[in-house]
């Protein structure tokens, strides 16, 4: 109604830029391959490009977007808790699950470094660039806002995993927000992804 009455629309240019760039990066990752290995593509698209955006366009320190150790003591605590909680859950849900095995057994070679390279940029995109850019404008609502594209990006993965990602994305965001660092949710996610592949492939 306000728009119809002629009120001028005003936007936060950094929020708009992050929204557009992050969406385009996800689309490019889905449809195109830049290097011969997909996980190197994700280092470029989700880590290097956002860092260049922060440094060259926003003219800010990457630490403002969670690229730091943050509260490392709290981060280590959350990481330990996350691993201890998720390990039995993953084993229970993933062991003997045919859809999980069919999807994940191809990713077994190269662990854990393939998941490291695949996820470090992925986590910085969602729990660094998007989360902290949105938090300036939307406060705590940013925790849910960044979880939505994170969940959508999981479509095509096994349903049991995808259905959980909006909540998992929120929790990863909460850890990043509390510690002021994307590193700790990355470490938790790295463990989860690696352990899921090992369990689903029946290698444990």
C-alpha atoms as a PDB file:
ATOM      1  CA  UNK A   1       0.000   0.000   0.000  1.00  0.00           C
ATOM      2  CA  UNK A   2       2.794   2.411   0.855  1.00  0.00           C
ATOM      3  CA  UNK A   3       4.381   1.722  -2.517  1.00  0.00           C
ATOM      4  CA  UNK A   4       1.081   2.411  -4.287  1.00  0.00           C
ATOM      5  CA  UNK A   5       0.864   5.721  -2.446  1.00  0.00           C
ATOM      6  CA  UNK A   6       4.161   6.720  -3.966  1.00  0.00           C
ATOM      7  CA  UNK A   7       6.593   6.232  -1.082  1.00  0.00           C
ATOM      8  CA  UNK A   8      10.149   5.936  -2.325  1.00  0.00           C
ATOM      9  CA  UNK A   9      11.653   2.467  -1.928  1.00  0.00           C
ATOM     10  CA  UNK A  10      15.000   2.412  -0.153  1.00  0.00           C
ATOM     11  CA  UNK A  11      17.405  -0.503  -0.038  1.00  0.00           C
ATOM     12  CA  UNK A  12      20.564  -1.392   1.837  1.00  0.00           C
ATOM     13  CA  UNK A  13      22.969  -1.765  -1.084  1.00  0.00           C
ATOM     14  CA  UNK A  14      25.175  -4.290   0.718  1.00  0.00           C
ATOM     15  CA  UNK A  15      22.209  -6.528   1.539  1.00  0.00           C
ATOM     16  CA  UNK A  16      21.049  -6.298  -2.083  1.00  0.00           C
ATOM     17  CA  UNK A  17      24.552  -7.044  -3.373  1.00  0.00           C
ATOM     18  CA  UNK A  18      25.007 -10.048  -1.074  1.00  0.00           C
ATOM     19  CA  UNK A  19      21.572 -11.407  -2.029  1.00  0.00           C
ATOM     20  CA  UNK A  20      22.223 -11.113  -5.766  1.00  0.00           C
ATOM     21  CA  UNK A  21      25.824 -12.329  -5.721  1.00  0.00           C
ATOM     22  CA  UNK A  22      25.164 -15.306  -3.440  1.00  0.00           C
ATOM     23  CA  UNK A  23      22.179 -16.378  -5.546  1.00  0.00           C
ATOM     24  CA  UNK A  24      24.188 -16.105  -8.767  1.00  0.00           C
ATOM     25  CA  UNK A  25      27.056 -18.094  -7.246  1.00  0.00           C
ATOM     26  CA  UNK A  26      24.700 -20.916  -6.285  1.00  0.00           C
ATOM     27  CA  UNK A  27      23.211 -20.954  -9.784  1.00  0.00           C
ATOM     28  CA  UNK A  28      26.642 -20.924 -11.458  1.00  0.00           C
ATOM     29  CA  UNK A  29      27.787 -23.776  -9.231  1.00  0.00           C
ATOM     30  CA  UNK A  30      24.726 -25.812 -10.198  1.00  0.00           C
ATOM     31  CA  UNK A  31      24.882 -25.317 -13.951  1.00  0.00           C
ATOM     32  CA  UNK A  32      28.574 -24.873 -14.753  1.00  0.00           C
ATOM     33  CA  UNK A  33      31.950 -26.394 -13.949  1.00  0.00           C
ATOM     34  CA  UNK A  34      34.953 -24.072 -13.825  1.00  0.00           C
ATOM     35  CA  UNK A  35      37.729 -26.522 -13.000  1.00  0.00           C
ATOM     36  CA  UNK A  36      38.088 -30.258 -13.463  1.00  0.00           C
ATOM     37  CA  UNK A  37      37.126 -30.867  -9.830  1.00  0.00           C
ATOM     38  CA  UNK A  38      33.870 -29.595  -8.361  1.00  0.00           C
ATOM     39  CA  UNK A  39      35.232 -28.926  -4.891  1.00  0.00           C
ATOM     40  CA  UNK A  40      37.832 -26.528  -6.313  1.00  0.00           C
ATOM     41  CA  UNK A  41      34.967 -24.707  -8.034  1.00  0.00           C
ATOM     42  CA  UNK A  42      33.369 -24.213  -4.627  1.00  0.00           C
ATOM     43  CA  UNK A  43      36.559 -22.847  -3.113  1.00  0.00           C
ATOM     44  CA  UNK A  44      36.629 -20.270  -5.910  1.00  0.00           C
ATOM     45  CA  UNK A  45      32.918 -19.441  -5.953  1.00  0.00           C
ATOM     46  CA  UNK A  46      32.081 -19.557  -2.268  1.00  0.00           C
ATOM     47  CA  UNK A  47      35.337 -18.503  -0.597  1.00  0.00           C
ATOM     48  CA  UNK A  48      37.502 -16.454  -2.968  1.00  0.00           C
ATOM     49  CA  UNK A  49      34.709 -14.502  -4.683  1.00  0.00           C
ATOM     50  CA  UNK A  50      33.016 -13.469  -1.395  1.00  0.00           C
ATOM     51  CA  UNK A  51      36.397 -12.453   0.061  1.00  0.00           C
ATOM     52  CA  UNK A  52      37.110 -10.308  -3.002  1.00  0.00           C
ATOM     53  CA  UNK A  53      33.632  -8.802  -2.708  1.00  0.00           C
ATOM     54  CA  UNK A  54      34.253  -7.869   0.926  1.00  0.00           C
ATOM     55  CA  UNK A  55      37.733  -6.471   0.300  1.00  0.00           C
ATOM     56  CA  UNK A  56      37.327  -4.719  -3.040  1.00  0.00           C
ATOM     57  CA  UNK A  57      33.650  -3.702  -3.164  1.00  0.00           C
ATOM     58  CA  UNK A  58      32.607  -3.335   0.471  1.00  0.00           C
ATOM     59  CA  UNK A  59      36.078  -2.131   1.525  1.00  0.00           C
ATOM     60  CA  UNK A  60      35.781  -3.991   4.815  1.00  0.00           C
ATOM     61  CA  UNK A  61      37.825  -6.433   6.837  1.00  0.00           C
ATOM     62  CA  UNK A  62      36.738 -10.075   6.308  1.00  0.00           C
ATOM     63  CA  UNK A  63      36.592 -10.434  10.090  1.00  0.00           C
ATOM     64  CA  UNK A  64      33.412  -8.324   9.993  1.00  0.00           C
ATOM     65  CA  UNK A  65      31.845 -11.237   8.131  1.00  0.00           C
ATOM     66  CA  UNK A  66      33.009 -14.013  10.443  1.00  0.00           C
ATOM     67  CA  UNK A  67      36.371 -14.658   8.782  1.00  0.00           C
ATOM     68  CA  UNK A  68      38.227 -14.948  12.078  1.00  0.00           C
ATOM     69  CA  UNK A  69      38.563 -17.267  15.064  1.00  0.00           C
ATOM     70  CA  UNK A  70      36.042 -15.137  16.976  1.00  0.00           C
ATOM     71  CA  UNK A  71      35.335 -16.451  20.457  1.00  0.00           C
ATOM     72  CA  UNK A  72      37.526 -19.522  20.023  1.00  0.00           C
ATOM     73  CA  UNK A  73      36.874 -20.975  23.473  1.00  0.00           C
ATOM     74  CA  UNK A  74      33.127 -20.949  22.895  1.00  0.00           C
ATOM     75  CA  UNK A  75      33.743 -22.196  19.356  1.00  0.00           C
ATOM     76  CA  UNK A  76      35.704 -25.206  20.546  1.00  0.00           C
ATOM     77  CA  UNK A  77      32.978 -25.999  23.070  1.00  0.00           C
ATOM     78  CA  UNK A  78      30.211 -25.854  20.450  1.00  0.00           C
ATOM     79  CA  UNK A  79      32.291 -27.909  18.031  1.00  0.00           C
ATOM     80  CA  UNK A  80      32.868 -30.663  20.605  1.00  0.00           C
ATOM     81  CA  UNK A  81      29.181 -30.703  21.559  1.00  0.00           C
ATOM     82  CA  UNK A  82      28.098 -30.758  17.908  1.00  0.00           C
ATOM     83  CA  UNK A  83      30.328 -33.705  17.108  1.00  0.00           C
ATOM     84  CA  UNK A  84      29.296 -35.685  20.194  1.00  0.00           C
ATOM     85  CA  UNK A  85      25.591 -35.114  19.504  1.00  0.00           C
ATOM     86  CA  UNK A  86      25.644 -35.701  15.750  1.00  0.00           C
ATOM     87  CA  UNK A  87      27.872 -38.789  15.594  1.00  0.00           C
ATOM     88  CA  UNK A  88      25.273 -41.250  17.023  1.00  0.00           C
ATOM     89  CA  UNK A  89      22.442 -39.545  15.110  1.00  0.00           C
ATOM     90  CA  UNK A  90      24.295 -39.923  11.808  1.00  0.00           C
ATOM     91  CA  UNK A  91      25.164 -43.534  12.563  1.00  0.00           C
ATOM     92  CA  UNK A  92      21.559 -44.372  13.413  1.00  0.00           C
ATOM     93  CA  UNK A  93      20.012 -42.629  10.385  1.00  0.00           C
ATOM     94  CA  UNK A  94      22.704 -43.350   7.816  1.00  0.00           C
ATOM     95  CA  UNK A  95      23.697 -46.923   8.539  1.00  0.00           C
ATOM     96  CA  UNK A  96      21.910 -49.251   6.135  1.00  0.00           C
ATOM     97  CA  UNK A  97      19.933 -46.438   4.480  1.00  0.00           C
ATOM     98  CA  UNK A  98      19.787 -47.384   0.803  1.00  0.00           C
ATOM     99  CA  UNK A  99      19.105 -43.883  -0.554  1.00  0.00           C
ATOM    100  CA  UNK A 100      21.995 -42.486   1.482  1.00  0.00           C
ATOM    101  CA  UNK A 101      24.327 -45.246   0.321  1.00  0.00           C
ATOM    102  CA  UNK A 102      23.412 -44.787  -3.343  1.00  0.00           C
ATOM    103  CA  UNK A 103      24.052 -41.062  -3.140  1.00  0.00           C
ATOM    104  CA  UNK A 104      27.155 -40.922  -0.951  1.00  0.00           C
ATOM    105  CA  UNK A 105      29.323 -43.966  -1.659  1.00  0.00           C
ATOM    106  CA  UNK A 106      30.839 -42.269  -4.749  1.00  0.00           C
ATOM    107  CA  UNK A 107      32.297 -39.556  -2.478  1.00  0.00           C
ATOM    108  CA  UNK A 108      34.304 -41.963  -0.299  1.00  0.00           C
ATOM    109  CA  UNK A 109      37.647 -41.630  -2.164  1.00  0.00           C
ATOM    110  CA  UNK A 110      39.670 -38.620  -1.068  1.00  0.00           C
ATOM    111  CA  UNK A 111      38.152 -38.134   2.367  1.00  0.00           C
ATOM    112  CA  UNK A 112      38.496 -36.029   4.460  1.00  0.00           C
ATOM    113  CA  UNK A 113      40.162 -33.434   2.222  1.00  0.00           C
ATOM    114  CA  UNK A 114      37.487 -33.479  -0.454  1.00  0.00           C
ATOM    115  CA  UNK A 115      34.835 -32.548   2.103  1.00  0.00           C
ATOM    116  CA  UNK A 116      37.169 -29.915   3.567  1.00  0.00           C
ATOM    117  CA  UNK A 117      37.536 -28.174   0.200  1.00  0.00           C
ATOM    118  CA  UNK A 118      33.873 -28.672  -0.652  1.00  0.00           C
ATOM    119  CA  UNK A 119      32.584 -27.108   2.562  1.00  0.00           C
ATOM    120  CA  UNK A 120      34.977 -24.375   3.630  1.00  0.00           C
ATOM    121  CA  UNK A 121      33.673 -21.961   0.996  1.00  0.00           C
ATOM    122  CA  UNK A 122      30.120 -23.246   1.354  1.00  0.00           C
ATOM    123  CA  UNK A 123      30.137 -22.384   5.051  1.00  0.00           C
ATOM    124  CA  UNK A 124      31.704 -18.985   4.478  1.00  0.00           C
ATOM    125  CA  UNK A 125      29.008 -18.100   1.950  1.00  0.00           C
ATOM    126  CA  UNK A 126      26.119 -18.917   4.306  1.00  0.00           C
ATOM    127  CA  UNK A 127      27.558 -18.494   7.800  1.00  0.00           C
ATOM    128  CA  UNK A 128      29.927 -15.682   6.871  1.00  0.00           C
ATOM    129  CA  UNK A 129      28.916 -13.413   4.011  1.00  0.00           C
ATOM    130  CA  UNK A 130      25.134 -13.875   4.058  1.00  0.00           C
ATOM    131  CA  UNK A 131      24.652 -14.239   7.805  1.00  0.00           C
ATOM    132  CA  UNK A 132      26.659 -11.227   8.912  1.00  0.00           C
ATOM    133  CA  UNK A 133      25.473  -8.992   6.076  1.00  0.00           C
ATOM    134  CA  UNK A 134      21.853  -9.796   6.905  1.00  0.00           C
ATOM    135  CA  UNK A 135      22.409  -9.521  10.664  1.00  0.00           C
ATOM    136  CA  UNK A 136      23.265  -5.833  10.302  1.00  0.00           C
ATOM    137  CA  UNK A 137      19.871  -5.169   8.749  1.00  0.00           C
ATOM    138  CA  UNK A 138      17.616  -7.839  10.239  1.00  0.00           C
ATOM    139  CA  UNK A 139      19.260  -8.774  13.539  1.00  0.00           C
ATOM    140  CA  UNK A 140      18.529 -12.297  14.793  1.00  0.00           C
ATOM    141  CA  UNK A 141      16.122 -12.882  11.893  1.00  0.00           C
ATOM    142  CA  UNK A 142      19.242 -13.385   9.784  1.00  0.00           C
ATOM    143  CA  UNK A 143      19.635 -16.810  11.382  1.00  0.00           C
ATOM    144  CA  UNK A 144      16.488 -18.032   9.620  1.00  0.00           C
ATOM    145  CA  UNK A 145      16.999 -15.984   6.469  1.00  0.00           C
ATOM    146  CA  UNK A 146      20.364 -17.590   5.693  1.00  0.00           C
ATOM    147  CA  UNK A 147      18.952 -21.042   6.445  1.00  0.00           C
ATOM    148  CA  UNK A 148      16.426 -20.815   3.582  1.00  0.00           C
ATOM    149  CA  UNK A 149      18.847 -20.728   0.598  1.00  0.00           C
ATOM    150  CA  UNK A 150      21.006 -23.245   2.466  1.00  0.00           C
ATOM    151  CA  UNK A 151      18.088 -25.689   2.591  1.00  0.00           C
ATOM    152  CA  UNK A 152      17.072 -25.051  -1.022  1.00  0.00           C
ATOM    153  CA  UNK A 153      20.650 -25.724  -2.154  1.00  0.00           C
ATOM    154  CA  UNK A 154      20.313 -29.259  -0.725  1.00  0.00           C
ATOM    155  CA  UNK A 155      17.444 -30.217  -3.033  1.00  0.00           C
ATOM    156  CA  UNK A 156      18.434 -33.312  -5.057  1.00  0.00           C
ATOM    157  CA  UNK A 157      20.163 -34.817  -2.019  1.00  0.00           C
ATOM    158  CA  UNK A 158      18.444 -37.630  -0.052  1.00  0.00           C
ATOM    159  CA  UNK A 159      15.136 -36.448   1.418  1.00  0.00           C
ATOM    160  CA  UNK A 160      16.026 -37.440   4.981  1.00  0.00           C
ATOM    161  CA  UNK A 161      18.956 -35.021   4.818  1.00  0.00           C
ATOM    162  CA  UNK A 162      17.265 -32.191   2.922  1.00  0.00           C
ATOM    163  CA  UNK A 163      14.274 -32.076   5.277  1.00  0.00           C
ATOM    164  CA  UNK A 164      16.582 -31.350   8.200  1.00  0.00           C
ATOM    165  CA  UNK A 165      18.650 -28.618   6.578  1.00  0.00           C
ATOM    166  CA  UNK A 166      16.513 -25.577   7.393  1.00  0.00           C
ATOM    167  CA  UNK A 167      16.931 -26.446  11.073  1.00  0.00           C
ATOM    168  CA  UNK A 168      20.547 -27.482  10.673  1.00  0.00           C
ATOM    169  CA  UNK A 169      21.243 -24.279   8.778  1.00  0.00           C
ATOM    170  CA  UNK A 170      19.727 -22.280  11.619  1.00  0.00           C
ATOM    171  CA  UNK A 171      21.900 -24.074  14.186  1.00  0.00           C
ATOM    172  CA  UNK A 172      25.045 -23.590  12.113  1.00  0.00           C
ATOM    173  CA  UNK A 173      24.131 -19.917  11.843  1.00  0.00           C
ATOM    174  CA  UNK A 174      23.523 -19.708  15.583  1.00  0.00           C
ATOM    175  CA  UNK A 175      26.999 -21.094  16.282  1.00  0.00           C
ATOM    176  CA  UNK A 176      28.551 -18.591  13.855  1.00  0.00           C
ATOM    177  CA  UNK A 177      26.530 -15.724  15.311  1.00  0.00           C
ATOM    178  CA  UNK A 178      27.419 -16.581  18.904  1.00  0.00           C
ATOM    179  CA  UNK A 179      31.126 -17.085  18.183  1.00  0.00           C
ATOM    180  CA  UNK A 180      31.370 -14.334  15.509  1.00  0.00           C
ATOM    181  CA  UNK A 181      33.106 -16.843  13.244  1.00  0.00           C
ATOM    182  CA  UNK A 182      32.171 -19.147  10.376  1.00  0.00           C
ATOM    183  CA  UNK A 183      35.053 -21.473  11.331  1.00  0.00           C
ATOM    184  CA  UNK A 184      33.244 -23.391  14.080  1.00  0.00           C
ATOM    185  CA  UNK A 185      30.108 -24.320  12.116  1.00  0.00           C
ATOM    186  CA  UNK A 186      32.469 -25.254   9.279  1.00  0.00           C
ATOM    187  CA  UNK A 187      34.323 -27.705  11.523  1.00  0.00           C
ATOM    188  CA  UNK A 188      31.052 -29.228  12.708  1.00  0.00           C
ATOM    189  CA  UNK A 189      29.740 -29.447   9.142  1.00  0.00           C
ATOM    190  CA  UNK A 190      33.037 -30.932   7.937  1.00  0.00           C
ATOM    191  CA  UNK A 191      32.760 -33.697  10.521  1.00  0.00           C
ATOM    192  CA  UNK A 192      29.095 -34.326   9.717  1.00  0.00           C
ATOM    193  CA  UNK A 193      29.656 -34.521   5.947  1.00  0.00           C
ATOM    194  CA  UNK A 194      32.690 -36.777   6.283  1.00  0.00           C
ATOM    195  CA  UNK A 195      31.034 -39.087   8.805  1.00  0.00           C
ATOM    196  CA  UNK A 196      27.817 -39.273   6.753  1.00  0.00           C
ATOM    197  CA  UNK A 197      29.769 -40.473   3.718  1.00  0.00           C
ATOM    198  CA  UNK A 198      31.704 -43.046   5.742  1.00  0.00           C
ATOM    199  CA  UNK A 199      28.583 -44.408   7.450  1.00  0.00           C
ATOM    200  CA  UNK A 200      26.338 -44.322   4.377  1.00  0.00           C
ATOM    201  CA  UNK A 201      28.957 -46.055   2.242  1.00  0.00           C
ATOM    202  CA  UNK A 202      29.249 -48.821   4.846  1.00  0.00           C
ATOM    203  CA  UNK A 203      32.927 -48.118   5.432  1.00  0.00           C
ATOM    204  CA  UNK A 204      32.567 -48.103   9.216  1.00  0.00           C
END
